[in-house]
Amino acid sequence: MFKGLGAGLGGIGDMAKMMQAAKDMQTKMADLQDDLARIVVVGESGAGLVKARATAKGEVTGLDIDPAILVPSEKEVIEDLILAAIRDAQSRAADRSKQEMQRLMAEMGLPADMKLPF
């Protein structure tokens, strides 16, 4: 009935290690989220005439427009350039976020392409 109880107690230690590892991973992921909110990427369009700044989480934080393109007759072109710059910033943010996640995975000894449930 109690056969293997000793081995079971050893399993408790392994479970504690696993729980600590999960807690450490959760802390590192929270730190990564904070880091992503501080990392700024810049997307641009029109050869730099329009630039959009975003965090690595994808939140657009700023927009720079060269005054030379602010001609009322070019309204649609300006709108297109703004959208293109925002999309470029968001794409760069997603790429940077992926790079940071892969770096964290490597630091933790996990496969860089491992999919996490969050």
PDB file of N, CA and C in Angstrom:
ATOM      1  N   MET A   1       0.810  -1.193   0.000  1.00  0.00           N
ATOM      2  CA  MET A   1       0.000   0.000   0.000  1.00  0.00           C
ATOM      3  C   MET A   1       0.863   1.272   0.000  1.00  0.00           C
ATOM      4  N   PHE A   2       1.954   1.258   0.779  1.00  0.00           N
ATOM      5  CA  PHE A   2       2.822   2.421   0.850  1.00  0.00           C
ATOM      6  C   PHE A   2       4.085   2.257   0.021  1.00  0.00           C
ATOM      7  N   LYS A   3       4.058   1.270  -0.847  1.00  0.00           N
ATOM      8  CA  LYS A   3       5.209   1.001  -1.694  1.00  0.00           C
ATOM      9  C   LYS A   3       5.481   2.226  -2.573  1.00  0.00           C
ATOM     10  N   GLY A   4       6.742   2.629  -2.624  1.00  0.00           N
ATOM     11  CA  GLY A   4       7.107   3.771  -3.463  1.00  0.00           C
ATOM     12  C   GLY A   4       6.861   5.102  -2.804  1.00  0.00           C
ATOM     13  N   LEU A   5       6.511   5.113  -1.519  1.00  0.00           N
ATOM     14  CA  LEU A   5       6.247   6.383  -0.833  1.00  0.00           C
ATOM     15  C   LEU A   5       7.479   7.269  -0.820  1.00  0.00           C
ATOM     16  N   GLY A   6       8.645   6.641  -0.595  1.00  0.00           N
ATOM     17  CA  GLY A   6       9.889   7.419  -0.582  1.00  0.00           C
ATOM     18  C   GLY A   6      10.105   8.131  -1.911  1.00  0.00           C
ATOM     19  N   ALA A   7       9.864   7.426  -2.996  1.00  0.00           N
ATOM     20  CA  ALA A   7      10.022   8.037  -4.318  1.00  0.00           C
ATOM     21  C   ALA A   7       9.019   9.162  -4.501  1.00  0.00           C
ATOM     22  N   GLY A   8       7.838   8.981  -3.912  1.00  0.00           N
ATOM     23  CA  GLY A   8       6.818  10.020  -4.012  1.00  0.00           C
ATOM     24  C   GLY A   8       7.231  11.297  -3.303  1.00  0.00           C
ATOM     25  N   LEU A   9       7.913  11.152  -2.175  1.00  0.00           N
ATOM     26  CA  LEU A   9       8.373  12.333  -1.450  1.00  0.00           C
ATOM     27  C   LEU A   9       9.446  13.077  -2.229  1.00  0.00           C
ATOM     28  N   GLY A  10      10.280  12.307  -2.941  1.00  0.00           N
ATOM     29  CA  GLY A  10      11.266  12.951  -3.804  1.00  0.00           C
ATOM     30  C   GLY A  10      10.579  13.747  -4.898  1.00  0.00           C
ATOM     31  N   GLY A  11       9.450  13.264  -5.334  1.00  0.00           N
ATOM     32  CA  GLY A  11       8.663  13.957  -6.350  1.00  0.00           C
ATOM     33  C   GLY A  11       8.136  15.293  -5.864  1.00  0.00           C
ATOM     34  N   ILE A  12       7.911  15.390  -4.535  1.00  0.00           N
ATOM     35  CA  ILE A  12       7.439  16.654  -3.963  1.00  0.00           C
ATOM     36  C   ILE A  12       8.504  17.723  -4.127  1.00  0.00           C
ATOM     37  N   GLY A  13       9.767  17.337  -3.910  1.00  0.00           N
ATOM     38  CA  GLY A  13      10.861  18.284  -4.109  1.00  0.00           C
ATOM     39  C   GLY A  13      10.940  18.739  -5.556  1.00  0.00           C
ATOM     40  N   ASP A  14      10.730  17.783  -6.475  1.00  0.00           N
ATOM     41  CA  ASP A  14      10.738  18.121  -7.899  1.00  0.00           C
ATOM     42  C   ASP A  14       9.583  19.061  -8.230  1.00  0.00           C
ATOM     43  N   MET A  15       8.446  18.816  -7.590  1.00  0.00           N
ATOM     44  CA  MET A  15       7.274  19.676  -7.810  1.00  0.00           C
ATOM     45  C   MET A  15       7.564  21.089  -7.295  1.00  0.00           C
ATOM     46  N   ALA A  16       8.228  21.178  -6.162  1.00  0.00           N
ATOM     47  CA  ALA A  16       8.576  22.498  -5.609  1.00  0.00           C
ATOM     48  C   ALA A  16       9.517  23.237  -6.552  1.00  0.00           C
ATOM     49  N   LYS A  17      10.482  22.514  -7.121  1.00  0.00           N
ATOM     50  CA  LYS A  17      11.403  23.129  -8.087  1.00  0.00           C
ATOM     51  C   LYS A  17      10.639  23.615  -9.310  1.00  0.00           C
ATOM     52  N   MET A  18       9.710  22.779  -9.761  1.00  0.00           N
ATOM     53  CA  MET A  18       8.921  23.134 -10.944  1.00  0.00           C
ATOM     54  C   MET A  18       8.057  24.362 -10.656  1.00  0.00           C
ATOM     55  N   MET A  19       7.472  24.424  -9.474  1.00  0.00           N
ATOM     56  CA  MET A  19       6.640  25.575  -9.104  1.00  0.00           C
ATOM     57  C   MET A  19       7.498  26.840  -9.005  1.00  0.00           C
ATOM     58  N   GLN A  20       8.709  26.712  -8.454  1.00  0.00           N
ATOM     59  CA  GLN A  20       9.610  27.863  -8.356  1.00  0.00           C
ATOM     60  C   GLN A  20      10.030  28.322  -9.746  1.00  0.00           C
ATOM     61  N   ALA A  21      10.295  27.371 -10.629  1.00  0.00           N
ATOM     62  CA  ALA A  21      10.671  27.716 -12.002  1.00  0.00           C
ATOM     63  C   ALA A  21       9.520  28.446 -12.700  1.00  0.00           C
ATOM     64  N   ALA A  22       8.288  27.987 -12.463  1.00  0.00           N
ATOM     65  CA  ALA A  22       7.119  28.653 -13.057  1.00  0.00           C
ATOM     66  C   ALA A  22       6.973  30.065 -12.502  1.00  0.00           C
ATOM     67  N   LYS A  23       7.221  30.219 -11.215  1.00  0.00           N
ATOM     68  CA  LYS A  23       7.135  31.551 -10.595  1.00  0.00           C
ATOM     69  C   LYS A  23       8.217  32.473 -11.154  1.00  0.00           C
ATOM     70  N   ASP A  24       9.431  31.943 -11.311  1.00  0.00           N
ATOM     71  CA  ASP A  24      10.521  32.729 -11.891  1.00  0.00           C
ATOM     72  C   ASP A  24      10.184  33.155 -13.318  1.00  0.00           C
ATOM     73  N   MET A  25       9.600  32.234 -14.075  1.00  0.00           N
ATOM     74  CA  MET A  25       9.225  32.537 -15.456  1.00  0.00           C
ATOM     75  C   MET A  25       8.157  33.628 -15.487  1.00  0.00           C
ATOM     76  N   GLN A  26       7.205  33.549 -14.584  1.00  0.00           N
ATOM     77  CA  GLN A  26       6.146  34.558 -14.512  1.00  0.00           C
ATOM     78  C   GLN A  26       6.745  35.927 -14.197  1.00  0.00           C
ATOM     79  N   THR A  27       7.704  35.982 -13.292  1.00  0.00           N
ATOM     80  CA  THR A  27       8.363  37.238 -12.941  1.00  0.00           C
ATOM     81  C   THR A  27       9.126  37.793 -14.135  1.00  0.00           C
ATOM     82  N   LYS A  28       9.852  36.917 -14.834  1.00  0.00           N
ATOM     83  CA  LYS A  28      10.617  37.364 -16.001  1.00  0.00           C
ATOM     84  C   LYS A  28       9.695  37.858 -17.110  1.00  0.00           C
ATOM     85  N   MET A  29       8.559  37.211 -17.273  1.00  0.00           N
ATOM     86  CA  MET A  29       7.602  37.654 -18.289  1.00  0.00           C
ATOM     87  C   MET A  29       7.027  39.028 -17.932  1.00  0.00           C
ATOM     88  N   ALA A  30       6.746  39.249 -16.657  1.00  0.00           N
ATOM     89  CA  ALA A  30       6.237  40.561 -16.220  1.00  0.00           C
ATOM     90  C   ALA A  30       7.300  41.624 -16.455  1.00  0.00           C
ATOM     91  N   ASP A  31       8.558  41.283 -16.158  1.00  0.00           N
ATOM     92  CA  ASP A  31       9.650  42.229 -16.406  1.00  0.00           C
ATOM     93  C   ASP A  31       9.772  42.529 -17.895  1.00  0.00           C
ATOM     94  N   LEU A  32       9.608  41.499 -18.723  1.00  0.00           N
ATOM     95  CA  LEU A  32       9.680  41.695 -20.170  1.00  0.00           C
ATOM     96  C   LEU A  32       8.574  42.637 -20.633  1.00  0.00           C
ATOM     97  N   GLN A  33       7.370  42.468 -20.113  1.00  0.00           N
ATOM     98  CA  GLN A  33       6.262  43.350 -20.490  1.00  0.00           C
ATOM     99  C   GLN A  33       6.577  44.799 -20.124  1.00  0.00           C
ATOM    100  N   ASP A  34       7.185  45.001 -18.955  1.00  0.00           N
ATOM    101  CA  ASP A  34       7.594  46.354 -18.555  1.00  0.00           C
ATOM    102  C   ASP A  34       8.651  46.904 -19.509  1.00  0.00           C
ATOM    103  N   ASP A  35       9.618  46.045 -19.870  1.00  0.00           N
ATOM    104  CA  ASP A  35      10.663  46.471 -20.804  1.00  0.00           C
ATOM    105  C   ASP A  35      10.072  46.843 -22.161  1.00  0.00           C
ATOM    106  N   LEU A  36       9.127  46.038 -22.646  1.00  0.00           N
ATOM    107  CA  LEU A  36       8.512  46.318 -23.944  1.00  0.00           C
ATOM    108  C   LEU A  36       7.774  47.649 -23.940  1.00  0.00           C
ATOM    109  N   ALA A  37       7.239  48.032 -22.805  1.00  0.00           N
ATOM    110  CA  ALA A  37       6.541  49.321 -22.704  1.00  0.00           C
ATOM    111  C   ALA A  37       7.521  50.494 -22.744  1.00  0.00           C
ATOM    112  N   ARG A  38       8.794  50.235 -22.414  1.00  0.00           N
ATOM    113  CA  ARG A  38       9.804  51.299 -22.418  1.00  0.00           C
ATOM    114  C   ARG A  38      10.595  51.371 -23.724  1.00  0.00           C
ATOM    115  N   ILE A  39      10.654  50.267 -24.470  1.00  0.00           N
ATOM    116  CA  ILE A  39      11.405  50.248 -25.729  1.00  0.00           C
ATOM    117  C   ILE A  39      10.611  51.008 -26.784  1.00  0.00           C
ATOM    118  N   VAL A  40      11.291  51.927 -27.464  1.00  0.00           N
ATOM    119  CA  VAL A  40      10.629  52.732 -28.496  1.00  0.00           C
ATOM    120  C   VAL A  40      11.215  52.380 -29.852  1.00  0.00           C
ATOM    121  N   VAL A  41      10.335  52.158 -30.821  1.00  0.00           N
ATOM    122  CA  VAL A  41      10.734  51.920 -32.203  1.00  0.00           C
ATOM    123  C   VAL A  41      10.143  53.042 -33.060  1.00  0.00           C
ATOM    124  N   VAL A  42      10.759  53.286 -34.205  1.00  0.00           N
ATOM    125  CA  VAL A  42      10.290  54.343 -35.101  1.00  0.00           C
ATOM    126  C   VAL A  42      10.012  53.737 -36.468  1.00  0.00           C
ATOM    127  N   GLY A  43       8.810  53.983 -36.960  1.00  0.00           N
ATOM    128  CA  GLY A  43       8.447  53.585 -38.310  1.00  0.00           C
ATOM    129  C   GLY A  43       8.377  54.836 -39.170  1.00  0.00           C
ATOM    130  N   GLU A  44       8.613  54.671 -40.451  1.00  0.00           N
ATOM    131  CA  GLU A  44       8.562  55.854 -41.308  1.00  0.00           C
ATOM    132  C   GLU A  44       8.003  55.528 -42.675  1.00  0.00           C
ATOM    133  N   SER A  45       7.628  56.595 -43.356  1.00  0.00           N
ATOM    134  CA  SER A  45       7.148  56.474 -44.729  1.00  0.00           C
ATOM    135  C   SER A  45       7.551  57.736 -45.479  1.00  0.00           C
ATOM    136  N   GLY A  46       7.423  57.675 -46.797  1.00  0.00           N
ATOM    137  CA  GLY A  46       7.770  58.840 -47.608  1.00  0.00           C
ATOM    138  C   GLY A  46       9.219  59.233 -47.427  1.00  0.00           C
ATOM    139  N   ALA A  47      10.115  58.252 -47.373  1.00  0.00           N
ATOM    140  CA  ALA A  47      11.552  58.505 -47.206  1.00  0.00           C
ATOM    141  C   ALA A  47      11.832  59.351 -45.969  1.00  0.00           C
ATOM    142  N   GLY A  48      11.068  59.087 -44.913  1.00  0.00           N
ATOM    143  CA  GLY A  48      11.299  59.789 -43.648  1.00  0.00           C
ATOM    144  C   GLY A  48      10.510  61.065 -43.467  1.00  0.00           C
ATOM    145  N   LEU A  49       9.633  61.392 -44.420  1.00  0.00           N
ATOM    146  CA  LEU A  49       8.832  62.607 -44.275  1.00  0.00           C
ATOM    147  C   LEU A  49       7.814  62.473 -43.142  1.00  0.00           C
ATOM    148  N   VAL A  50       7.376  61.248 -42.895  1.00  0.00           N
ATOM    149  CA  VAL A  50       6.449  60.985 -41.794  1.00  0.00           C
ATOM    150  C   VAL A  50       7.056  59.870 -40.947  1.00  0.00           C
ATOM    151  N   LYS A  51       7.147  60.114 -39.639  1.00  0.00           N
ATOM    152  CA  LYS A  51       7.692  59.125 -38.715  1.00  0.00           C
ATOM    153  C   LYS A  51       6.697  58.915 -37.576  1.00  0.00           C
ATOM    154  N   ALA A  52       6.522  57.652 -37.212  1.00  0.00           N
ATOM    155  CA  ALA A  52       5.648  57.315 -36.087  1.00  0.00           C
ATOM    156  C   ALA A  52       6.483  56.577 -35.046  1.00  0.00           C
ATOM    157  N   ARG A  53       6.323  56.983 -33.778  1.00  0.00           N
ATOM    158  CA  ARG A  53       6.995  56.297 -32.676  1.00  0.00           C
ATOM    159  C   ARG A  53       5.986  55.401 -31.974  1.00  0.00           C
ATOM    160  N   ALA A  54       6.464  54.217 -31.569  1.00  0.00           N
ATOM    161  CA  ALA A  54       5.603  53.284 -30.849  1.00  0.00           C
ATOM    162  C   ALA A  54       6.447  52.512 -29.839  1.00  0.00           C
ATOM    163  N   THR A  55       5.788  52.030 -28.797  1.00  0.00           N
ATOM    164  CA  THR A  55       6.481  51.142 -27.871  1.00  0.00           C
ATOM    165  C   THR A  55       6.582  49.771 -28.524  1.00  0.00           C
ATOM    166  N   ALA A  56       7.430  48.924 -27.978  1.00  0.00           N
ATOM    167  CA  ALA A  56       7.556  47.569 -28.516  1.00  0.00           C
ATOM    168  C   ALA A  56       6.295  46.753 -28.257  1.00  0.00           C
ATOM    169  N   LYS A  57       5.373  47.300 -27.465  1.00  0.00           N
ATOM    170  CA  LYS A  57       4.075  46.649 -27.263  1.00  0.00           C
ATOM    171  C   LYS A  57       3.096  47.056 -28.365  1.00  0.00           C
ATOM    172  N   GLY A  58       3.497  48.002 -29.225  1.00  0.00           N
ATOM    173  CA  GLY A  58       2.661  48.410 -30.343  1.00  0.00           C
ATOM    174  C   GLY A  58       1.841  49.667 -30.109  1.00  0.00           C
ATOM    175  N   GLU A  59       2.011  50.307 -28.963  1.00  0.00           N
ATOM    176  CA  GLU A  59       1.256  51.534 -28.670  1.00  0.00           C
ATOM    177  C   GLU A  59       1.928  52.727 -29.348  1.00  0.00           C
ATOM    178  N   VAL A  60       1.213  53.382 -30.243  1.00  0.00           N
ATOM    179  CA  VAL A  60       1.750  54.547 -30.942  1.00  0.00           C
ATOM    180  C   VAL A  60       1.833  55.703 -29.940  1.00  0.00           C
ATOM    181  N   THR A  61       3.040  56.292 -29.833  1.00  0.00           N
ATOM    182  CA  THR A  61       3.263  57.346 -28.838  1.00  0.00           C
ATOM    183  C   THR A  61       3.569  58.707 -29.448  1.00  0.00           C
ATOM    184  N   GLY A  62       3.854  58.761 -30.730  1.00  0.00           N
ATOM    185  CA  GLY A  62       4.161  60.052 -31.315  1.00  0.00           C
ATOM    186  C   GLY A  62       4.185  60.002 -32.827  1.00  0.00           C
ATOM    187  N   LEU A  63       4.107  61.182 -33.419  1.00  0.00           N
ATOM    188  CA  LEU A  63       4.073  61.311 -34.874  1.00  0.00           C
ATOM    189  C   LEU A  63       4.842  62.571 -35.242  1.00  0.00           C
ATOM    190  N   ASP A  64       5.764  62.451 -36.196  1.00  0.00           N
ATOM    191  CA  ASP A  64       6.513  63.599 -36.700  1.00  0.00           C
ATOM    192  C   ASP A  64       6.239  63.725 -38.191  1.00  0.00           C
ATOM    193  N   ILE A  65       5.811  64.923 -38.600  1.00  0.00           N
ATOM    194  CA  ILE A  65       5.505  65.172 -40.004  1.00  0.00           C
ATOM    195  C   ILE A  65       6.353  66.339 -40.474  1.00  0.00           C
ATOM    196  N   ASP A  66       7.083  66.121 -41.556  1.00  0.00           N
ATOM    197  CA  ASP A  66       7.899  67.182 -42.131  1.00  0.00           C
ATOM    198  C   ASP A  66       6.949  68.263 -42.663  1.00  0.00           C
ATOM    199  N   PRO A  67       7.117  69.505 -42.225  1.00  0.00           N
ATOM    200  CA  PRO A  67       6.206  70.576 -42.665  1.00  0.00           C
ATOM    201  C   PRO A  67       6.160  70.773 -44.179  1.00  0.00           C
ATOM    202  N   ALA A  68       7.164  70.333 -44.882  1.00  0.00           N
ATOM    203  CA  ALA A  68       7.205  70.510 -46.337  1.00  0.00           C
ATOM    204  C   ALA A  68       6.064  69.796 -47.046  1.00  0.00           C
ATOM    205  N   ILE A  69       5.498  68.762 -46.408  1.00  0.00           N
ATOM    206  CA  ILE A  69       4.419  68.026 -47.079  1.00  0.00           C
ATOM    207  C   ILE A  69       3.035  68.524 -46.686  1.00  0.00           C
ATOM    208  N   LEU A  70       2.970  69.510 -45.822  1.00  0.00           N
ATOM    209  CA  LEU A  70       1.667  70.004 -45.357  1.00  0.00           C
ATOM    210  C   LEU A  70       1.063  70.992 -46.355  1.00  0.00           C
ATOM    211  N   VAL A  71       0.657  70.451 -47.460  1.00  0.00           N
ATOM    212  CA  VAL A  71       0.018  71.226 -48.525  1.00  0.00           C
ATOM    213  C   VAL A  71      -1.423  70.729 -48.605  1.00  0.00           C
ATOM    214  N   PRO A  72      -2.413  71.646 -48.458  1.00  0.00           N
ATOM    215  CA  PRO A  72      -3.814  71.206 -48.439  1.00  0.00           C
ATOM    216  C   PRO A  72      -4.228  70.317 -49.612  1.00  0.00           C
ATOM    217  N   SER A  73      -3.687  70.548 -50.763  1.00  0.00           N
ATOM    218  CA  SER A  73      -4.078  69.745 -51.920  1.00  0.00           C
ATOM    219  C   SER A  73      -3.530  68.306 -51.836  1.00  0.00           C
ATOM    220  N   GLU A  74      -2.612  68.057 -50.937  1.00  0.00           N
ATOM    221  CA  GLU A  74      -2.002  66.737 -50.770  1.00  0.00           C
ATOM    222  C   GLU A  74      -2.546  65.989 -49.549  1.00  0.00           C
ATOM    223  N   LYS A  75      -3.742  66.377 -49.106  1.00  0.00           N
ATOM    224  CA  LYS A  75      -4.336  65.800 -47.900  1.00  0.00           C
ATOM    225  C   LYS A  75      -4.372  64.272 -47.931  1.00  0.00           C
ATOM    226  N   GLU A  76      -4.839  63.689 -49.016  1.00  0.00           N
ATOM    227  CA  GLU A  76      -4.940  62.223 -49.104  1.00  0.00           C
ATOM    228  C   GLU A  76      -3.565  61.559 -49.068  1.00  0.00           C
ATOM    229  N   VAL A  77      -2.593  62.170 -49.704  1.00  0.00           N
ATOM    230  CA  VAL A  77      -1.228  61.625 -49.691  1.00  0.00           C
ATOM    231  C   VAL A  77      -0.686  61.651 -48.265  1.00  0.00           C
ATOM    232  N   ILE A  78      -0.918  62.751 -47.567  1.00  0.00           N
ATOM    233  CA  ILE A  78      -0.448  62.883 -46.183  1.00  0.00           C
ATOM    234  C   ILE A  78      -1.105  61.818 -45.306  1.00  0.00           C
ATOM    235  N   GLU A  79      -2.393  61.620 -45.462  1.00  0.00           N
ATOM    236  CA  GLU A  79      -3.100  60.599 -44.678  1.00  0.00           C
ATOM    237  C   GLU A  79      -2.515  59.211 -44.940  1.00  0.00           C
ATOM    238  N   ASP A  80      -2.242  58.921 -46.213  1.00  0.00           N
ATOM    239  CA  ASP A  80      -1.658  57.626 -46.566  1.00  0.00           C
ATOM    240  C   ASP A  80      -0.268  57.461 -45.953  1.00  0.00           C
ATOM    241  N   LEU A  81       0.518  58.534 -45.978  1.00  0.00           N
ATOM    242  CA  LEU A  81       1.858  58.478 -45.397  1.00  0.00           C
ATOM    243  C   LEU A  81       1.790  58.260 -43.884  1.00  0.00           C
ATOM    244  N   ILE A  82       0.842  58.908 -43.234  1.00  0.00           N
ATOM    245  CA  ILE A  82       0.681  58.737 -41.787  1.00  0.00           C
ATOM    246  C   ILE A  82       0.321  57.289 -41.464  1.00  0.00           C
ATOM    247  N   LEU A  83      -0.650  56.755 -42.189  1.00  0.00           N
ATOM    248  CA  LEU A  83      -1.036  55.356 -41.954  1.00  0.00           C
ATOM    249  C   LEU A  83       0.121  54.397 -42.225  1.00  0.00           C
ATOM    250  N   ALA A  84       0.862  54.652 -43.274  1.00  0.00           N
ATOM    251  CA  ALA A  84       1.995  53.781 -43.604  1.00  0.00           C
ATOM    252  C   ALA A  84       3.059  53.846 -42.507  1.00  0.00           C
ATOM    253  N   ALA A  85       3.319  55.029 -41.976  1.00  0.00           N
ATOM    254  CA  ALA A  85       4.307  55.169 -40.907  1.00  0.00           C
ATOM    255  C   ALA A  85       3.852  54.447 -39.640  1.00  0.00           C
ATOM    256  N   ILE A  86       2.570  54.555 -39.324  1.00  0.00           N
ATOM    257  CA  ILE A  86       2.034  53.864 -38.138  1.00  0.00           C
ATOM    258  C   ILE A  86       2.133  52.353 -38.329  1.00  0.00           C
ATOM    259  N   ARG A  87       1.771  51.875 -39.490  1.00  0.00           N
ATOM    260  CA  ARG A  87       1.865  50.427 -39.750  1.00  0.00           C
ATOM    261  C   ARG A  87       3.314  49.949 -39.662  1.00  0.00           C
ATOM    262  N   ASP A  88       4.232  50.750 -40.176  1.00  0.00           N
ATOM    263  CA  ASP A  88       5.647  50.393 -40.114  1.00  0.00           C
ATOM    264  C   ASP A  88       6.115  50.346 -38.657  1.00  0.00           C
ATOM    265  N   ALA A  89       5.708  51.328 -37.856  1.00  0.00           N
ATOM    266  CA  ALA A  89       6.080  51.338 -36.437  1.00  0.00           C
ATOM    267  C   ALA A  89       5.513  50.122 -35.713  1.00  0.00           C
ATOM    268  N   GLN A  90       4.267  49.782 -36.006  1.00  0.00           N
ATOM    269  CA  GLN A  90       3.651  48.627 -35.354  1.00  0.00           C
ATOM    270  C   GLN A  90       4.330  47.324 -35.781  1.00  0.00           C
ATOM    271  N   SER A  91       4.727  47.234 -37.029  1.00  0.00           N
ATOM    272  CA  SER A  91       5.436  46.054 -37.516  1.00  0.00           C
ATOM    273  C   SER A  91       6.798  45.931 -36.834  1.00  0.00           C
ATOM    274  N   ARG A  92       7.492  47.054 -36.715  1.00  0.00           N
ATOM    275  CA  ARG A  92       8.789  47.047 -36.034  1.00  0.00           C
ATOM    276  C   ARG A  92       8.621  46.702 -34.557  1.00  0.00           C
ATOM    277  N   ALA A  93       7.535  47.175 -33.966  1.00  0.00           N
ATOM    278  CA  ALA A  93       7.262  46.864 -32.561  1.00  0.00           C
ATOM    279  C   ALA A  93       7.040  45.366 -32.382  1.00  0.00           C
ATOM    280  N   ALA A  94       6.277  44.761 -33.278  1.00  0.00           N
ATOM    281  CA  ALA A  94       6.018  43.321 -33.197  1.00  0.00           C
ATOM    282  C   ALA A  94       7.313  42.530 -33.377  1.00  0.00           C
ATOM    283  N   ASP A  95       8.163  42.968 -34.314  1.00  0.00           N
ATOM    284  CA  ASP A  95       9.442  42.295 -34.531  1.00  0.00           C
ATOM    285  C   ASP A  95      10.323  42.401 -33.290  1.00  0.00           C
ATOM    286  N   ARG A  96      10.368  43.588 -32.697  1.00  0.00           N
ATOM    287  CA  ARG A  96      11.204  43.788 -31.501  1.00  0.00           C
ATOM    288  C   ARG A  96      10.679  42.964 -30.331  1.00  0.00           C
ATOM    289  N   SER A  97       9.371  42.924 -30.186  1.00  0.00           N
ATOM    290  CA  SER A  97       8.758  42.132 -29.125  1.00  0.00           C
ATOM    291  C   SER A  97       9.124  40.660 -29.291  1.00  0.00           C
ATOM    292  N   LYS A  98       9.070  40.165 -30.509  1.00  0.00           N
ATOM    293  CA  LYS A  98       9.419  38.769 -30.789  1.00  0.00           C
ATOM    294  C   LYS A  98      10.888  38.511 -30.463  1.00  0.00           C
ATOM    295  N   GLN A  99      11.761  39.444 -30.829  1.00  0.00           N
ATOM    296  CA  GLN A  99      13.188  39.297 -30.528  1.00  0.00           C
ATOM    297  C   GLN A  99      13.425  39.234 -29.022  1.00  0.00           C
ATOM    298  N   GLU A 100      12.758  40.116 -28.282  1.00  0.00           N
ATOM    299  CA  GLU A 100      12.931  40.144 -26.833  1.00  0.00           C
ATOM    300  C   GLU A 100      12.404  38.857 -26.197  1.00  0.00           C
ATOM    301  N   MET A 101      11.307  38.336 -26.717  1.00  0.00           N
ATOM    302  CA  MET A 101      10.745  37.090 -26.201  1.00  0.00           C
ATOM    303  C   MET A 101      11.701  35.929 -26.473  1.00  0.00           C
ATOM    304  N   GLN A 102      12.277  35.887 -27.665  1.00  0.00           N
ATOM    305  CA  GLN A 102      13.230  34.829 -27.999  1.00  0.00           C
ATOM    306  C   GLN A 102      14.477  34.919 -27.113  1.00  0.00           C
ATOM    307  N   ARG A 103      14.925  36.143 -26.826  1.00  0.00           N
ATOM    308  CA  ARG A 103      16.070  36.334 -25.945  1.00  0.00           C
ATOM    309  C   ARG A 103      15.766  35.796 -24.558  1.00  0.00           C
ATOM    310  N   LEU A 104      14.579  36.110 -24.051  1.00  0.00           N
ATOM    311  CA  LEU A 104      14.183  35.645 -22.728  1.00  0.00           C
ATOM    312  C   LEU A 104      14.103  34.117 -22.695  1.00  0.00           C
ATOM    313  N   MET A 105      13.531  33.524 -23.730  1.00  0.00           N
ATOM    314  CA  MET A 105      13.421  32.069 -23.793  1.00  0.00           C
ATOM    315  C   MET A 105      14.811  31.423 -23.770  1.00  0.00           C
ATOM    316  N   ALA A 106      15.730  31.989 -24.532  1.00  0.00           N
ATOM    317  CA  ALA A 106      17.088  31.450 -24.573  1.00  0.00           C
ATOM    318  C   ALA A 106      17.751  31.559 -23.195  1.00  0.00           C
ATOM    319  N   GLU A 107      17.549  32.690 -22.509  1.00  0.00           N
ATOM    320  CA  GLU A 107      18.114  32.872 -21.170  1.00  0.00           C
ATOM    321  C   GLU A 107      17.576  31.831 -20.192  1.00  0.00           C
ATOM    322  N   MET A 108      16.331  31.417 -20.411  1.00  0.00           N
ATOM    323  CA  MET A 108      15.706  30.454 -19.515  1.00  0.00           C
ATOM    324  C   MET A 108      15.963  29.011 -19.958  1.00  0.00           C
ATOM    325  N   GLY A 109      16.732  28.838 -21.041  1.00  0.00           N
ATOM    326  CA  GLY A 109      17.047  27.504 -21.514  1.00  0.00           C
ATOM    327  C   GLY A 109      15.914  26.834 -22.267  1.00  0.00           C
ATOM    328  N   LEU A 110      14.975  27.630 -22.755  1.00  0.00           N
ATOM    329  CA  LEU A 110      13.834  27.094 -23.501  1.00  0.00           C
ATOM    330  C   LEU A 110      14.055  27.338 -24.992  1.00  0.00           C
ATOM    331  N   PRO A 111      13.403  26.555 -25.849  1.00  0.00           N
ATOM    332  CA  PRO A 111      13.521  26.797 -27.293  1.00  0.00           C
ATOM    333  C   PRO A 111      13.008  28.200 -27.639  1.00  0.00           C
ATOM    334  N   ALA A 112      13.752  28.908 -28.465  1.00  0.00           N
ATOM    335  CA  ALA A 112      13.391  30.280 -28.822  1.00  0.00           C
ATOM    336  C   ALA A 112      12.031  30.381 -29.490  1.00  0.00           C
ATOM    337  N   ASP A 113      11.621  29.330 -30.203  1.00  0.00           N
ATOM    338  CA  ASP A 113      10.348  29.378 -30.919  1.00  0.00           C
ATOM    339  C   ASP A 113       9.214  28.725 -30.141  1.00  0.00           C
ATOM    340  N   MET A 114       9.419  28.468 -28.854  1.00  0.00           N
ATOM    341  CA  MET A 114       8.390  27.842 -28.036  1.00  0.00           C
ATOM    342  C   MET A 114       7.176  28.771 -27.895  1.00  0.00           C
ATOM    343  N   LYS A 115       6.006  28.229 -28.113  1.00  0.00           N
ATOM    344  CA  LYS A 115       4.777  29.006 -28.010  1.00  0.00           C
ATOM    345  C   LYS A 115       4.262  28.922 -26.575  1.00  0.00           C
ATOM    346  N   LEU A 116       4.056  30.081 -25.975  1.00  0.00           N
ATOM    347  CA  LEU A 116       3.526  30.123 -24.619  1.00  0.00           C
ATOM    348  C   LEU A 116       2.026  30.406 -24.666  1.00  0.00           C
ATOM    349  N   PRO A 117       1.301  29.993 -23.648  1.00  0.00           N
ATOM    350  CA  PRO A 117      -0.160  30.152 -23.670  1.00  0.00           C
ATOM    351  C   PRO A 117      -0.647  31.561 -23.349  1.00  0.00           C
ATOM    352  N   PHE A 118       0.208  32.564 -23.436  1.00  0.00           N
ATOM    353  CA  PHE A 118      -0.227  33.944 -23.129  1.00  0.00           C
ATOM    354  C   PHE A 118       0.372  34.913 -24.074  1.00  0.00           C
TER     355      PHE A 118
END
